[in-house]
Amino acid sequence: MSDKFTIKFKGILDHAATKKSIEQDITKMEKYLKPRKSSLDSTKDIVKNNLADKKK
């Protein structure tokens, strides 16, 4: 299973509504995403760690 996903938008975005819907989508996805390093506390830490791994 690939751990990559793309979010595409069309048209004009209402920033507040978009942010809220993205946060809801991310919350739903968190159930299915299994972090490689379970010692990381939050999703933010997991994302930072994954970005750092990609730069190496």
N, C-alpha and C. Protein backbone atom coordinates (compact mmCIF):
# COMPACT_ATOMS: atom_id res chain seq x y z
N MET A 1 0.84 -1.19 0.00
CA MET A 1 0.00 0.00 0.00
C MET A 1 0.88 1.25 0.00
N SER A 2 0.54 2.18 -0.84
CA SER A 2 1.30 3.42 -0.93
C SER A 2 0.93 4.35 0.22
N ASP A 3 1.92 5.08 0.73
CA ASP A 3 1.64 6.02 1.82
C ASP A 3 1.58 7.46 1.31
N LYS A 4 1.35 7.60 0.00
CA LYS A 4 1.26 8.93 -0.59
C LYS A 4 -0.19 9.22 -0.96
N PHE A 5 -0.57 10.48 -0.85
CA PHE A 5 -1.89 10.89 -1.32
C PHE A 5 -1.81 12.32 -1.82
N THR A 6 -2.74 12.68 -2.68
CA THR A 6 -2.78 14.01 -3.28
C THR A 6 -4.14 14.63 -3.03
N ILE A 7 -4.13 15.90 -2.69
CA ILE A 7 -5.38 16.64 -2.52
C ILE A 7 -5.44 17.67 -3.64
N LYS A 8 -6.48 17.61 -4.46
CA LYS A 8 -6.64 18.54 -5.57
C LYS A 8 -7.84 19.43 -5.33
N PHE A 9 -7.71 20.69 -5.71
CA PHE A 9 -8.80 21.65 -5.55
C PHE A 9 -9.16 22.25 -6.90
N LYS A 10 -10.44 22.58 -7.07
CA LYS A 10 -10.89 23.30 -8.26
C LYS A 10 -11.67 24.52 -7.81
N GLY A 11 -11.47 25.63 -8.49
CA GLY A 11 -12.25 26.83 -8.23
C GLY A 11 -11.73 27.64 -7.07
N ILE A 12 -12.60 28.52 -6.59
CA ILE A 12 -12.24 29.44 -5.51
C ILE A 12 -12.49 28.76 -4.17
N LEU A 13 -11.56 28.93 -3.26
CA LEU A 13 -11.66 28.27 -1.96
C LEU A 13 -12.04 29.27 -0.88
N ASP A 14 -12.95 28.86 -0.02
CA ASP A 14 -13.25 29.61 1.20
C ASP A 14 -12.28 29.06 2.24
N HIS A 15 -11.34 29.88 2.65
CA HIS A 15 -10.23 29.39 3.47
C HIS A 15 -10.70 28.69 4.74
N ALA A 16 -11.62 29.30 5.47
CA ALA A 16 -12.06 28.72 6.74
C ALA A 16 -12.76 27.38 6.53
N ALA A 17 -13.65 27.32 5.55
CA ALA A 17 -14.37 26.07 5.27
C ALA A 17 -13.40 25.00 4.77
N THR A 18 -12.45 25.41 3.93
CA THR A 18 -11.47 24.47 3.39
C THR A 18 -10.62 23.89 4.50
N LYS A 19 -10.14 24.76 5.38
CA LYS A 19 -9.29 24.31 6.47
C LYS A 19 -10.04 23.31 7.35
N LYS A 20 -11.30 23.62 7.65
CA LYS A 20 -12.09 22.74 8.50
C LYS A 20 -12.30 21.38 7.83
N SER A 21 -12.62 21.38 6.54
CA SER A 21 -12.86 20.11 5.86
C SER A 21 -11.57 19.30 5.73
N ILE A 22 -10.45 19.97 5.51
CA ILE A 22 -9.16 19.26 5.44
C ILE A 22 -8.85 18.64 6.80
N GLU A 23 -9.08 19.39 7.88
CA GLU A 23 -8.82 18.85 9.21
C GLU A 23 -9.69 17.63 9.48
N GLN A 24 -10.94 17.66 9.03
CA GLN A 24 -11.83 16.50 9.21
C GLN A 24 -11.32 15.31 8.41
N ASP A 25 -10.89 15.56 7.16
CA ASP A 25 -10.37 14.49 6.33
C ASP A 25 -9.12 13.88 6.95
N ILE A 26 -8.24 14.73 7.46
CA ILE A 26 -7.00 14.25 8.09
C ILE A 26 -7.34 13.41 9.32
N THR A 27 -8.32 13.86 10.10
CA THR A 27 -8.73 13.11 11.28
C THR A 27 -9.20 11.72 10.88
N LYS A 28 -9.98 11.64 9.78
CA LYS A 28 -10.44 10.34 9.30
C LYS A 28 -9.27 9.48 8.84
N MET A 29 -8.31 10.10 8.14
CA MET A 29 -7.17 9.35 7.61
C MET A 29 -6.25 8.85 8.71
N GLU A 30 -6.19 9.60 9.83
CA GLU A 30 -5.29 9.22 10.91
C GLU A 30 -5.58 7.81 11.41
N LYS A 31 -6.84 7.40 11.33
CA LYS A 31 -7.21 6.05 11.77
C LYS A 31 -6.50 5.00 10.94
N TYR A 32 -6.30 5.31 9.64
CA TYR A 32 -5.73 4.32 8.73
C TYR A 32 -4.23 4.44 8.57
N LEU A 33 -3.68 5.60 8.90
CA LEU A 33 -2.24 5.80 8.77
C LEU A 33 -1.55 5.25 10.01
N LYS A 34 -0.62 4.36 9.78
CA LYS A 34 0.11 3.80 10.92
C LYS A 34 1.52 4.40 10.92
N PRO A 35 1.85 5.17 11.94
CA PRO A 35 3.17 5.79 11.98
C PRO A 35 4.28 4.74 12.10
N ARG A 36 5.37 5.00 11.42
CA ARG A 36 6.51 4.08 11.49
C ARG A 36 7.13 4.09 12.87
N LYS A 37 7.15 5.28 13.47
CA LYS A 37 7.76 5.40 14.80
C LYS A 37 6.67 5.77 15.79
N SER A 38 6.22 4.80 16.55
CA SER A 38 5.10 5.02 17.46
C SER A 38 5.50 5.87 18.66
N SER A 39 6.79 6.14 18.82
CA SER A 39 7.23 6.98 19.94
C SER A 39 6.85 8.44 19.73
N LEU A 40 6.52 8.81 18.49
CA LEU A 40 6.13 10.18 18.21
C LEU A 40 4.71 10.40 18.71
N ASP A 41 4.52 11.52 19.40
CA ASP A 41 3.24 11.75 20.07
C ASP A 41 2.13 12.16 19.13
N SER A 42 2.36 13.21 18.36
CA SER A 42 1.25 13.78 17.59
C SER A 42 1.46 13.57 16.10
N THR A 43 0.41 13.79 15.36
CA THR A 43 0.47 13.70 13.90
C THR A 43 1.48 14.70 13.35
N LYS A 44 1.55 15.88 13.97
CA LYS A 44 2.49 16.90 13.52
C LYS A 44 3.93 16.37 13.61
N ASP A 45 4.26 15.69 14.71
CA ASP A 45 5.59 15.11 14.86
C ASP A 45 5.85 14.03 13.82
N ILE A 46 4.82 13.22 13.54
CA ILE A 46 4.96 12.16 12.55
C ILE A 46 5.22 12.75 11.18
N VAL A 47 4.47 13.79 10.81
CA VAL A 47 4.65 14.44 9.51
C VAL A 47 6.04 15.05 9.41
N LYS A 48 6.48 15.74 10.47
CA LYS A 48 7.83 16.33 10.48
C LYS A 48 8.88 15.25 10.29
N ASN A 49 8.71 14.13 10.97
CA ASN A 49 9.66 13.03 10.88
C ASN A 49 9.69 12.45 9.47
N ASN A 50 8.51 12.27 8.88
CA ASN A 50 8.45 11.73 7.52
C ASN A 50 9.10 12.68 6.52
N LEU A 51 8.90 13.99 6.69
CA LEU A 51 9.54 14.96 5.80
C LEU A 51 11.06 14.92 5.97
N ALA A 52 11.52 14.78 7.20
CA ALA A 52 12.96 14.71 7.45
C ALA A 52 13.54 13.46 6.79
N ASP A 53 12.81 12.34 6.84
CA ASP A 53 13.27 11.10 6.21
C ASP A 53 13.39 11.26 4.70
N LYS A 54 12.45 11.98 4.09
CA LYS A 54 12.47 12.17 2.64
C LYS A 54 13.66 13.01 2.21
N LYS A 55 14.09 13.96 3.05
CA LYS A 55 15.20 14.84 2.71
C LYS A 55 16.54 14.11 2.74
N LYS A 56 16.61 13.02 3.48
CA LYS A 56 17.88 12.28 3.63
C LYS A 56 18.25 11.56 2.35
